[in-house]
Amino acid sequence: MDTQFDLIVIGGGPAGYVAAIRAAQLGMKTACVEMRKTLGGTCLNVGCIPSKALLESSEHFYQAKNKFQKHGIVVADVKLDLEQMLKRKDAVVRQLTTGIAGLFKKNGIAFINGKGRLAGSEGALKKVVVKTAEGEQSFSAKKIILATGSEPTELPFLKFDGKNVVSSTEALEFAQVPKHLVVIGGGVIGLEMGSVWARLGAKVTVVEFNDWIAGGSDRQISAELMKSLSKQGIEFKLGHKCLGATKKGDWMMVEAEDRKTGAKVVLEADKILVSTGRKPYSDGLGLESFGIERDAQGRVPVSETYETSAEGIYAVGDLIVGAMLAHKAEEEGIAAVENIAGKHGHVNYQAIPNVIYTHPELASVGWTEEELKERAVPYKVGTFPYMANGRAKAMEEAEGLVKILAHAQTDRVLGIHIVGARAGDLIAEGVAMMEFGATAEDIAQSSHAHPSLAEVMKEAALAVGKRQIHL
């Protein structure tokens, strides 16, 4: 293998492998360093993709047990084959990681398997030392992109043991359905993995520090999601701080405290999923060899072109400020490469969607109502419920709503928030509209196929001007 390149990308996740492919397309001799044996990073190997595979499978199981009969489909004695469900999940991951390896081969990208770190300069070239199975090897390049992603945050009083106290990685591999899964943190990971195991028969309790779930989501939409998940049997302890857990026989005794009253509650669990966030994977990167400093959260500061304080070294994805989203990371990886190539790569952060793949799904783009109030931005609101949509009724998916926020004077769309079936797909229209600076009237005047769930978006846009038709 060659040791000198135009660009070396450290990290083979969504930001890294996409950046490497774009660089190769632009004619750069490119290498990608990844410590896993397979490409795709956390997202593809132990995150986004395997969790969605389990969400899909567990939803089929839940539907067969609870909803098929309404459709006139009688399925007797529905049983769970968890082993087969996990095998299918692994097969999906295997197919996709193999696909990325094929893309690397197609584009002539060198895949260096090992843990990479910066190691200073040799003239105009930057050195990268990679610890591989054969020992340390040295490579060099004119430019470097750091795309090392993130890892689960461990609570100091509730450390991972991989068996009783687990991260999202282990929660993808339970050999048996937990009797009582206590989830610490009601964000994306906690709600998605909690949903999987609740559908498969586990009792699930979510302990959330805030008085709402789903983090930075619009509160009205967050409340609607919690209402639906509660109907599915998930219990929520909002406004509660986890104090720790002690082992008692085969069980873990989880202690939490009501932040307002100080009252304590003890939850008996056989599994505890800690999903209180993730932290940048920035340790051991050799940043000091180029004088690159990190902020208090371990993130690497970058310029508008994603260049660090060291010339020729860039950082993207979970390693820098911003939402830890795979698609945000991909956009940054492409933008960084295009800037290196002398083009004008940029990312419109106001048009980055966020999706929670529970059932119903929650999807959003742009500002929330709370953020607009905080910034004193004048706005109008239009909402429309799924229950008034013909396709939703036909699908037996009448829970949810679309909420559109538009500027009070200009009518420009400021935010779109959806909770309901296929919200993660519907939000794409909102992203496109916001990317092109559309108004609520633009959405309202656009023809939407009938009957379709997309009509809920049109009606919500009409509702901004109090002109909704079907309500």
Protein backbone atom coordinates (compact mmCIF):
# COMPACT_ATOMS: atom_id res chain seq x y z
CA MET A 1 0.00 0.00 0.00
CA ASP A 2 1.14 3.56 -0.77
CA THR A 3 2.05 5.72 2.20
CA GLN A 4 1.58 9.19 0.68
CA PHE A 5 -1.81 10.68 -0.25
CA ASP A 6 -3.51 13.93 -1.17
CA LEU A 7 -6.02 13.38 1.66
CA ILE A 8 -6.24 11.09 4.66
CA VAL A 9 -9.57 10.83 6.46
CA ILE A 10 -9.37 9.53 10.02
CA GLY A 11 -12.69 7.82 10.75
CA GLY A 12 -14.85 5.66 8.50
CA GLY A 13 -18.32 6.65 9.73
CA PRO A 14 -20.94 8.69 7.83
CA ALA A 15 -18.76 11.83 7.81
CA GLY A 16 -15.54 9.99 7.00
CA TYR A 17 -16.50 7.49 4.33
CA VAL A 18 -18.69 10.02 2.50
CA ALA A 19 -15.85 12.58 2.60
CA ALA A 20 -13.45 9.98 1.23
CA ILE A 21 -15.77 9.09 -1.66
CA ARG A 22 -16.34 12.76 -2.56
CA ALA A 23 -12.58 13.41 -2.45
CA ALA A 24 -11.95 10.50 -4.81
CA GLN A 25 -14.63 11.84 -7.16
CA LEU A 26 -12.76 15.14 -7.22
CA GLY A 27 -9.53 13.40 -8.23
CA MET A 28 -7.75 13.24 -4.89
CA LYS A 29 -5.61 10.25 -3.98
CA THR A 30 -7.44 9.31 -0.79
CA ALA A 31 -7.07 7.02 2.21
CA CYS A 32 -9.48 6.38 5.06
CA VAL A 33 -8.30 5.15 8.46
CA GLU A 34 -10.87 3.23 10.53
CA MET A 35 -10.27 1.19 13.68
CA ARG A 36 -13.24 -1.13 13.10
CA LYS A 37 -12.76 -3.95 10.64
CA THR A 38 -15.85 -2.72 8.79
CA LEU A 39 -16.68 0.77 7.52
CA GLY A 40 -19.77 2.79 8.46
CA GLY A 41 -18.82 3.88 11.96
CA THR A 42 -21.11 3.76 14.97
CA CYS A 43 -24.12 4.62 12.82
CA LEU A 44 -23.97 1.62 10.54
CA ASN A 45 -22.36 -0.93 12.86
CA VAL A 46 -23.95 -0.34 16.27
CA GLY A 47 -26.23 2.67 15.92
CA CYS A 48 -28.65 4.03 13.34
CA ILE A 49 -28.98 1.00 11.07
CA PRO A 50 -29.18 -1.93 13.53
CA SER A 51 -31.54 0.03 15.78
CA LYS A 52 -33.83 0.78 12.81
CA ALA A 53 -33.76 -2.89 11.81
CA LEU A 54 -34.94 -3.83 15.31
CA LEU A 55 -37.49 -1.01 15.36
CA GLU A 56 -38.97 -2.30 12.10
CA SER A 57 -39.03 -5.94 13.23
CA SER A 58 -40.46 -5.14 16.66
CA GLU A 59 -43.15 -2.95 15.09
CA HIS A 60 -44.24 -5.84 12.86
CA PHE A 61 -44.49 -8.04 15.97
CA TYR A 62 -46.48 -5.37 17.83
CA GLN A 63 -48.82 -4.85 14.86
CA ALA A 64 -49.44 -8.57 14.49
CA LYS A 65 -50.37 -8.87 18.16
CA ASN A 66 -52.34 -5.66 18.55
CA LYS A 67 -53.57 -4.23 15.24
CA PHE A 68 -53.91 -6.90 12.57
CA GLN A 69 -57.33 -7.95 13.87
CA LYS A 70 -58.74 -4.48 13.11
CA HIS A 71 -57.74 -5.03 9.48
CA GLY A 72 -59.57 -8.35 9.41
CA ILE A 73 -56.37 -10.38 9.70
CA VAL A 74 -56.57 -13.03 12.40
CA VAL A 75 -53.15 -14.38 13.38
CA ALA A 76 -53.30 -16.97 16.11
CA ASP A 77 -50.58 -17.54 18.70
CA VAL A 78 -48.06 -14.90 17.56
CA LYS A 79 -44.62 -15.86 18.87
CA LEU A 80 -41.32 -14.01 19.08
CA ASP A 81 -38.17 -15.56 17.62
CA LEU A 82 -35.66 -13.09 19.07
CA GLU A 83 -32.68 -15.02 17.74
CA GLN A 84 -33.97 -14.70 14.16
CA MET A 85 -34.77 -11.01 14.71
CA LEU A 86 -31.20 -10.34 15.81
CA LYS A 87 -29.82 -12.39 12.90
CA ARG A 88 -31.80 -10.29 10.45
CA LYS A 89 -30.48 -7.12 12.06
CA ASP A 90 -26.91 -8.37 11.71
CA ALA A 91 -27.52 -9.32 8.08
CA VAL A 92 -28.73 -5.81 7.26
CA VAL A 93 -25.59 -4.34 8.82
CA ARG A 94 -23.37 -6.83 6.99
CA GLN A 95 -24.92 -6.04 3.61
CA LEU A 96 -24.45 -2.30 4.05
CA THR A 97 -20.89 -2.42 5.39
CA THR A 98 -19.96 -4.68 2.49
CA GLY A 99 -21.57 -2.14 0.18
CA ILE A 100 -19.37 0.68 1.49
CA ALA A 101 -16.27 -1.47 1.06
CA GLY A 102 -17.38 -1.96 -2.54
CA LEU A 103 -17.75 1.79 -3.01
CA PHE A 104 -14.20 2.29 -1.71
CA LYS A 105 -12.89 -0.25 -4.21
CA LYS A 106 -14.90 1.35 -7.04
CA ASN A 107 -13.48 4.80 -6.22
CA GLY A 108 -9.90 3.65 -5.61
CA ILE A 109 -9.84 4.62 -1.92
CA ALA A 110 -7.27 2.97 0.35
CA PHE A 111 -8.84 1.49 3.49
CA ILE A 112 -6.34 1.45 6.36
CA ASN A 113 -7.64 -0.67 9.23
CA GLY A 114 -6.30 0.60 12.55
CA LYS A 115 -6.39 3.42 15.07
CA GLY A 116 -4.95 6.61 13.61
CA ARG A 117 -3.43 9.67 15.23
CA LEU A 118 -1.79 12.87 14.06
CA ALA A 119 1.99 12.87 14.38
CA GLY A 120 3.28 16.27 13.29
CA SER A 121 4.56 17.43 9.90
CA GLU A 122 7.27 16.57 7.41
CA GLY A 123 7.62 19.70 5.33
CA ALA A 124 4.31 20.34 3.58
CA LEU A 125 3.01 16.88 4.49
CA LYS A 126 1.10 15.94 7.63
CA LYS A 127 1.94 12.63 9.26
CA VAL A 128 -0.59 10.08 10.47
CA VAL A 129 0.54 7.08 12.51
CA VAL A 130 -1.80 4.10 12.46
CA LYS A 131 -1.72 1.31 15.02
CA THR A 132 -2.62 -1.79 13.03
CA ALA A 133 -2.63 -5.53 13.71
CA GLU A 134 0.90 -5.65 12.27
CA GLY A 135 2.19 -2.78 14.40
CA GLU A 136 2.50 0.96 13.81
CA GLN A 137 2.64 2.29 10.26
CA SER A 138 3.25 5.85 9.12
CA PHE A 139 1.37 7.65 6.36
CA SER A 140 1.39 11.24 5.12
CA ALA A 141 -0.90 13.57 3.21
CA LYS A 142 -1.26 17.18 2.13
CA LYS A 143 -4.60 17.44 3.93
CA ILE A 144 -6.23 15.59 6.83
CA ILE A 145 -9.91 15.34 7.80
CA LEU A 146 -10.73 14.23 11.33
CA ALA A 147 -14.07 12.39 11.40
CA THR A 148 -13.78 10.15 14.45
CA GLY A 149 -17.39 10.47 15.64
CA SER A 150 -18.53 9.99 19.22
CA GLU A 151 -19.02 7.41 21.96
CA PRO A 152 -21.64 6.90 24.72
CA THR A 153 -21.34 9.11 27.79
CA GLU A 154 -20.84 7.09 30.96
CA LEU A 155 -22.32 8.34 34.23
CA PRO A 156 -19.70 8.38 37.01
CA PHE A 157 -22.18 6.88 39.49
CA LEU A 158 -23.61 4.33 37.03
CA LYS A 159 -20.75 2.85 35.03
CA PHE A 160 -21.28 0.45 32.15
CA ASP A 161 -20.68 -3.20 32.97
CA GLY A 162 -21.94 -4.54 29.63
CA LYS A 163 -24.45 -6.82 31.35
CA ASN A 164 -26.79 -5.06 33.76
CA VAL A 165 -25.82 -1.44 33.04
CA VAL A 166 -25.45 -1.00 29.31
CA SER A 167 -25.01 1.48 26.50
CA SER A 168 -26.99 1.45 23.26
CA THR A 169 -24.47 -1.01 21.81
CA GLU A 170 -25.32 -3.79 24.27
CA ALA A 171 -29.04 -2.91 24.14
CA LEU A 172 -29.00 -4.08 20.51
CA GLU A 173 -27.89 -7.56 21.58
CA PHE A 174 -30.02 -8.66 24.54
CA ALA A 175 -30.33 -12.45 24.27
CA GLN A 176 -33.65 -12.31 26.11
CA VAL A 177 -36.38 -9.71 26.44
CA PRO A 178 -35.77 -7.84 29.71
CA LYS A 179 -38.38 -8.17 32.44
CA HIS A 180 -37.97 -4.50 33.40
CA LEU A 181 -35.77 -2.18 31.37
CA VAL A 182 -35.06 1.15 33.05
CA VAL A 183 -33.89 3.76 30.56
CA ILE A 184 -31.90 6.71 31.92
CA GLY A 185 -32.54 9.55 29.48
CA GLY A 186 -35.58 10.23 27.32
CA GLY A 187 -33.78 11.35 24.18
CA VAL A 188 -33.53 9.71 20.77
CA ILE A 189 -31.60 6.59 21.80
CA GLY A 190 -33.57 5.99 24.98
CA LEU A 191 -36.94 6.33 23.29
CA GLU A 192 -36.01 4.20 20.29
CA MET A 193 -34.43 1.33 22.22
CA GLY A 194 -37.10 1.58 24.92
CA SER A 195 -39.72 1.22 22.17
CA VAL A 196 -38.05 -1.88 20.73
CA TRP A 197 -38.06 -3.81 23.98
CA ALA A 198 -41.48 -2.53 25.11
CA ARG A 199 -43.02 -3.85 21.86
CA LEU A 200 -41.35 -7.22 22.45
CA GLY A 201 -42.86 -7.53 25.93
CA ALA A 202 -40.56 -5.77 28.39
CA LYS A 203 -41.81 -3.41 31.04
CA VAL A 204 -40.03 -0.13 30.24
CA THR A 205 -39.58 2.90 32.49
CA VAL A 206 -37.88 6.05 31.22
CA VAL A 207 -36.24 8.29 33.83
CA GLU A 208 -35.80 11.78 32.36
CA PHE A 209 -34.13 14.76 34.09
CA ASN A 210 -36.24 17.33 32.21
CA ASP A 211 -40.00 17.79 32.43
CA TRP A 212 -40.39 16.62 28.82
CA ILE A 213 -38.98 13.96 26.53
CA ALA A 214 -37.24 14.19 23.15
CA GLY A 215 -34.68 16.83 24.12
CA GLY A 216 -34.82 19.95 21.98
CA SER A 217 -38.05 19.04 20.19
CA ASP A 218 -41.01 21.39 20.01
CA ARG A 219 -42.84 20.86 23.33
CA GLN A 220 -46.29 20.40 21.80
CA ILE A 221 -44.95 17.69 19.50
CA SER A 222 -42.96 16.11 22.33
CA ALA A 223 -46.11 15.92 24.47
CA GLU A 224 -48.02 14.22 21.63
CA LEU A 225 -45.28 11.62 21.24
CA MET A 226 -45.23 10.90 24.97
CA LYS A 227 -49.02 10.46 24.96
CA SER A 228 -48.72 7.81 22.24
CA LEU A 229 -45.81 5.99 23.87
CA SER A 230 -47.62 5.96 27.21
CA LYS A 231 -50.58 4.24 25.53
CA GLN A 232 -48.12 1.58 24.38
CA GLY A 233 -47.20 0.91 28.00
CA ILE A 234 -43.99 2.87 28.44
CA GLU A 235 -43.86 4.58 31.84
CA PHE A 236 -42.21 7.97 32.25
CA LYS A 237 -40.61 9.51 35.33
CA LEU A 238 -40.17 13.11 34.20
CA GLY A 239 -38.28 15.67 36.23
CA HIS A 240 -36.36 12.89 37.96
CA LYS A 241 -32.64 12.69 38.57
CA CYS A 242 -31.02 9.26 38.63
CA LEU A 243 -28.91 8.84 41.77
CA GLY A 244 -27.39 5.47 40.94
CA ALA A 245 -28.12 1.77 41.29
CA THR A 246 -27.16 -1.09 43.57
CA LYS A 247 -27.21 -4.81 42.82
CA LYS A 248 -29.60 -7.01 44.78
CA GLY A 249 -29.46 -10.63 43.67
CA ASP A 250 -30.28 -10.77 39.97
CA TRP A 251 -31.83 -7.30 40.06
CA MET A 252 -30.58 -3.74 40.03
CA MET A 253 -32.23 -1.26 42.36
CA VAL A 254 -32.32 2.08 40.54
CA GLU A 255 -32.78 5.14 42.73
CA ALA A 256 -34.19 8.37 41.32
CA GLU A 257 -35.22 11.65 42.91
CA ASP A 258 -38.05 14.01 41.98
CA ARG A 259 -36.25 17.30 41.30
CA LYS A 260 -39.17 19.41 42.55
CA THR A 261 -40.28 17.56 45.68
CA GLY A 262 -37.13 15.65 46.59
CA ALA A 263 -39.19 12.45 46.86
CA LYS A 264 -37.21 9.33 46.03
CA VAL A 265 -38.33 6.32 44.04
CA VAL A 266 -36.65 2.93 43.68
CA LEU A 267 -37.12 0.93 40.48
CA GLU A 268 -36.29 -2.78 40.33
CA ALA A 269 -34.73 -3.60 36.96
CA ASP A 270 -32.88 -6.45 35.34
CA LYS A 271 -31.42 -4.14 32.66
CA ILE A 272 -30.47 -0.45 32.80
CA LEU A 273 -29.87 1.44 29.57
CA VAL A 274 -27.89 4.64 30.11
CA SER A 275 -28.66 6.97 27.20
CA THR A 276 -27.81 10.41 28.53
CA GLY A 277 -25.85 11.53 25.49
CA ARG A 278 -22.63 11.00 23.61
CA LYS A 279 -19.21 12.66 23.69
CA PRO A 280 -16.76 13.36 20.85
CA TYR A 281 -14.16 10.67 20.26
CA SER A 282 -11.23 13.07 20.50
CA ASP A 283 -8.87 11.38 22.98
CA GLY A 284 -5.66 9.93 21.58
CA LEU A 285 -5.95 11.74 18.24
CA GLY A 286 -2.59 13.46 18.59
CA LEU A 287 -4.17 16.91 18.39
CA GLU A 288 -1.38 18.32 20.56
CA SER A 289 1.18 17.55 17.84
CA PHE A 290 -0.40 20.40 15.86
CA GLY A 291 -1.38 22.59 18.82
CA ILE A 292 -5.08 21.92 18.25
CA GLU A 293 -7.06 22.55 21.41
CA ARG A 294 -10.45 21.16 22.44
CA ASP A 295 -13.35 22.88 24.20
CA ALA A 296 -14.77 21.80 27.56
CA GLN A 297 -16.91 19.13 25.87
CA GLY A 298 -13.93 17.65 24.01
CA ARG A 299 -14.97 19.12 20.65
CA VAL A 300 -12.57 20.57 18.10
CA PRO A 301 -13.19 24.22 17.09
CA VAL A 302 -13.26 24.82 13.33
CA SER A 303 -13.69 27.70 10.88
CA GLU A 304 -16.57 28.12 8.43
CA THR A 305 -14.65 25.88 6.02
CA TYR A 306 -14.21 23.20 8.76
CA GLU A 307 -10.48 23.88 9.07
CA THR A 308 -9.01 23.59 12.57
CA SER A 309 -6.46 26.02 14.03
CA ALA A 310 -3.82 23.95 12.21
CA GLU A 311 -3.61 24.73 8.50
CA GLY A 312 -4.60 21.81 6.30
CA ILE A 313 -6.30 19.82 9.08
CA TYR A 314 -10.10 19.74 9.09
CA ALA A 315 -12.71 18.31 11.47
CA VAL A 316 -16.34 17.33 10.88
CA GLY A 317 -19.28 15.40 12.33
CA ASP A 318 -19.67 14.60 16.01
CA LEU A 319 -16.16 15.92 16.62
CA ILE A 320 -17.35 19.54 16.20
CA VAL A 321 -20.16 21.73 17.54
CA GLY A 322 -23.69 20.81 16.51
CA ALA A 323 -26.26 18.06 16.59
CA MET A 324 -24.81 14.55 16.54
CA LEU A 325 -26.65 13.39 13.43
CA ALA A 326 -25.32 11.10 10.70
CA HIS A 327 -26.76 13.16 7.86
CA LYS A 328 -25.38 16.41 9.33
CA ALA A 329 -21.98 14.70 9.50
CA GLU A 330 -22.25 13.58 5.87
CA GLU A 331 -23.02 17.11 4.69
CA GLU A 332 -20.04 18.46 6.63
CA GLY A 333 -17.74 15.79 5.21
CA ILE A 334 -18.71 16.73 1.67
CA ALA A 335 -18.48 20.48 2.40
CA ALA A 336 -15.00 20.11 3.92
CA VAL A 337 -13.72 18.16 0.90
CA GLU A 338 -15.21 20.67 -1.55
CA ASN A 339 -13.56 23.52 0.36
CA ILE A 340 -10.24 21.68 0.16
CA ALA A 341 -10.80 21.36 -3.60
CA GLY A 342 -11.33 25.12 -3.92
CA LYS A 343 -15.09 24.88 -4.30
CA HIS A 344 -17.69 26.46 -2.02
CA GLY A 345 -18.87 23.72 0.31
CA HIS A 346 -21.39 24.79 2.93
CA VAL A 347 -24.12 23.38 5.17
CA ASN A 348 -27.45 25.09 5.88
CA TYR A 349 -27.89 24.17 9.52
CA GLN A 350 -31.44 25.54 9.61
CA ALA A 351 -32.44 22.87 7.11
CA ILE A 352 -31.06 19.81 8.91
CA PRO A 353 -33.89 17.45 9.90
CA ASN A 354 -34.06 15.43 13.10
CA VAL A 355 -36.04 12.20 13.41
CA ILE A 356 -36.91 9.88 16.29
CA TYR A 357 -37.93 6.52 14.83
CA THR A 358 -40.46 5.48 17.45
CA HIS A 359 -44.02 4.69 16.39
CA PRO A 360 -45.40 7.21 15.79
CA GLU A 361 -42.25 8.91 14.53
CA LEU A 362 -41.22 12.42 15.49
CA ALA A 363 -39.55 14.57 12.83
CA SER A 364 -38.60 18.23 12.79
CA VAL A 365 -36.63 20.88 10.94
CA GLY A 366 -35.97 24.52 11.80
CA TRP A 367 -36.96 26.48 14.89
CA THR A 368 -39.29 25.25 17.63
CA GLU A 369 -42.05 27.47 19.01
CA GLU A 370 -40.09 27.82 22.26
CA GLU A 371 -37.00 29.03 20.39
CA LEU A 372 -39.00 31.62 18.45
CA LYS A 373 -40.54 32.96 21.67
CA GLU A 374 -37.10 33.15 23.28
CA ARG A 375 -35.77 35.13 20.31
CA ALA A 376 -38.87 37.37 20.16
CA VAL A 377 -39.49 36.40 16.52
CA PRO A 378 -43.10 37.14 15.43
CA TYR A 379 -44.69 33.97 14.09
CA LYS A 380 -47.90 32.26 13.02
CA VAL A 381 -48.83 28.63 13.72
CA GLY A 382 -50.74 26.14 11.63
CA THR A 383 -51.50 22.61 12.86
CA PHE A 384 -53.46 19.76 11.36
CA PRO A 385 -54.18 16.32 12.90
CA TYR A 386 -53.67 12.96 11.25
CA MET A 387 -57.16 11.95 12.42
CA ALA A 388 -58.69 14.24 9.76
CA ASN A 389 -56.66 12.65 6.95
CA GLY A 390 -58.24 9.93 4.80
CA ARG A 391 -55.05 7.95 4.19
CA ALA A 392 -54.19 7.96 7.91
CA LYS A 393 -57.66 6.58 8.69
CA ALA A 394 -57.28 3.89 6.03
CA MET A 395 -53.90 2.93 7.48
CA GLU A 396 -55.23 2.84 11.06
CA GLU A 397 -52.61 5.51 11.86
CA ALA A 398 -54.74 8.42 13.05
CA GLU A 399 -52.46 9.55 15.91
CA GLY A 400 -50.31 12.63 15.35
CA LEU A 401 -50.20 16.07 13.79
CA VAL A 402 -48.17 18.43 11.62
CA LYS A 403 -47.20 21.85 12.97
CA ILE A 404 -45.87 24.62 10.75
CA LEU A 405 -44.34 27.83 12.10
CA ALA A 406 -44.12 30.79 9.72
CA HIS A 407 -42.93 34.38 10.13
CA ALA A 408 -45.85 36.64 11.02
CA GLN A 409 -44.91 39.30 8.46
CA THR A 410 -43.19 37.47 5.60
CA ASP A 411 -44.93 34.06 5.89
CA ARG A 412 -41.51 32.39 5.41
CA VAL A 413 -41.42 28.93 6.97
CA LEU A 414 -39.37 28.93 10.19
CA GLY A 415 -39.97 25.41 11.44
CA ILE A 416 -41.91 22.23 10.69
CA HIS A 417 -42.65 19.61 13.33
CA ILE A 418 -44.41 16.28 12.80
CA VAL A 419 -45.45 13.45 15.06
CA GLY A 420 -47.15 10.59 13.28
CA ALA A 421 -46.74 7.68 10.90
CA ARG A 422 -43.85 8.10 8.40
CA ALA A 423 -42.94 11.51 9.79
CA GLY A 424 -39.30 10.79 8.93
CA ASP A 425 -40.22 10.63 5.25
CA LEU A 426 -42.73 13.49 5.29
CA ILE A 427 -40.17 15.89 6.78
CA ALA A 428 -38.18 15.78 3.52
CA GLU A 429 -40.74 18.11 1.95
CA GLY A 430 -40.27 20.52 4.84
CA VAL A 431 -36.48 20.40 4.46
CA ALA A 432 -36.70 21.15 0.75
CA MET A 433 -39.12 24.03 1.34
CA MET A 434 -36.90 25.56 4.00
CA GLU A 435 -33.77 25.09 1.89
CA PHE A 436 -35.35 27.21 -0.84
CA GLY A 437 -36.84 29.81 1.54
CA ALA A 438 -40.46 28.84 0.92
CA THR A 439 -43.48 30.43 2.58
CA ALA A 440 -46.39 28.58 4.17
CA GLU A 441 -48.40 29.76 1.17
CA ASP A 442 -45.96 27.97 -1.16
CA ILE A 443 -46.68 24.67 0.60
CA ALA A 444 -50.41 25.37 0.69
CA GLN A 445 -50.51 26.10 -3.04
CA SER A 446 -48.55 22.95 -3.97
CA SER A 447 -50.67 20.02 -5.08
CA HIS A 448 -50.37 16.99 -2.81
CA ALA A 449 -51.48 13.54 -3.98
CA HIS A 450 -54.81 12.28 -2.67
CA PRO A 451 -55.16 10.22 -0.64
CA SER A 452 -51.75 10.58 1.02
CA LEU A 453 -50.30 11.41 4.41
CA ALA A 454 -48.56 14.35 2.70
CA GLU A 455 -51.93 16.12 2.61
CA VAL A 456 -51.53 16.71 6.34
CA MET A 457 -48.57 18.96 5.46
CA LYS A 458 -50.67 20.94 2.96
CA GLU A 459 -53.53 21.34 5.44
CA ALA A 460 -51.16 22.52 8.19
CA ALA A 461 -49.80 25.12 5.76
CA LEU A 462 -53.35 26.22 4.95
CA ALA A 463 -54.01 26.41 8.71
CA VAL A 464 -51.25 29.02 9.08
CA GLY A 465 -53.66 31.35 7.30
CA LYS A 466 -56.69 29.76 8.99
CA ARG A 467 -57.79 28.24 5.65
CA GLN A 468 -57.64 24.50 6.35
CA ILE A 469 -60.32 22.60 4.43
CA HIS A 470 -60.88 19.29 6.18
CA LEU A 471 -61.23 20.42 9.78
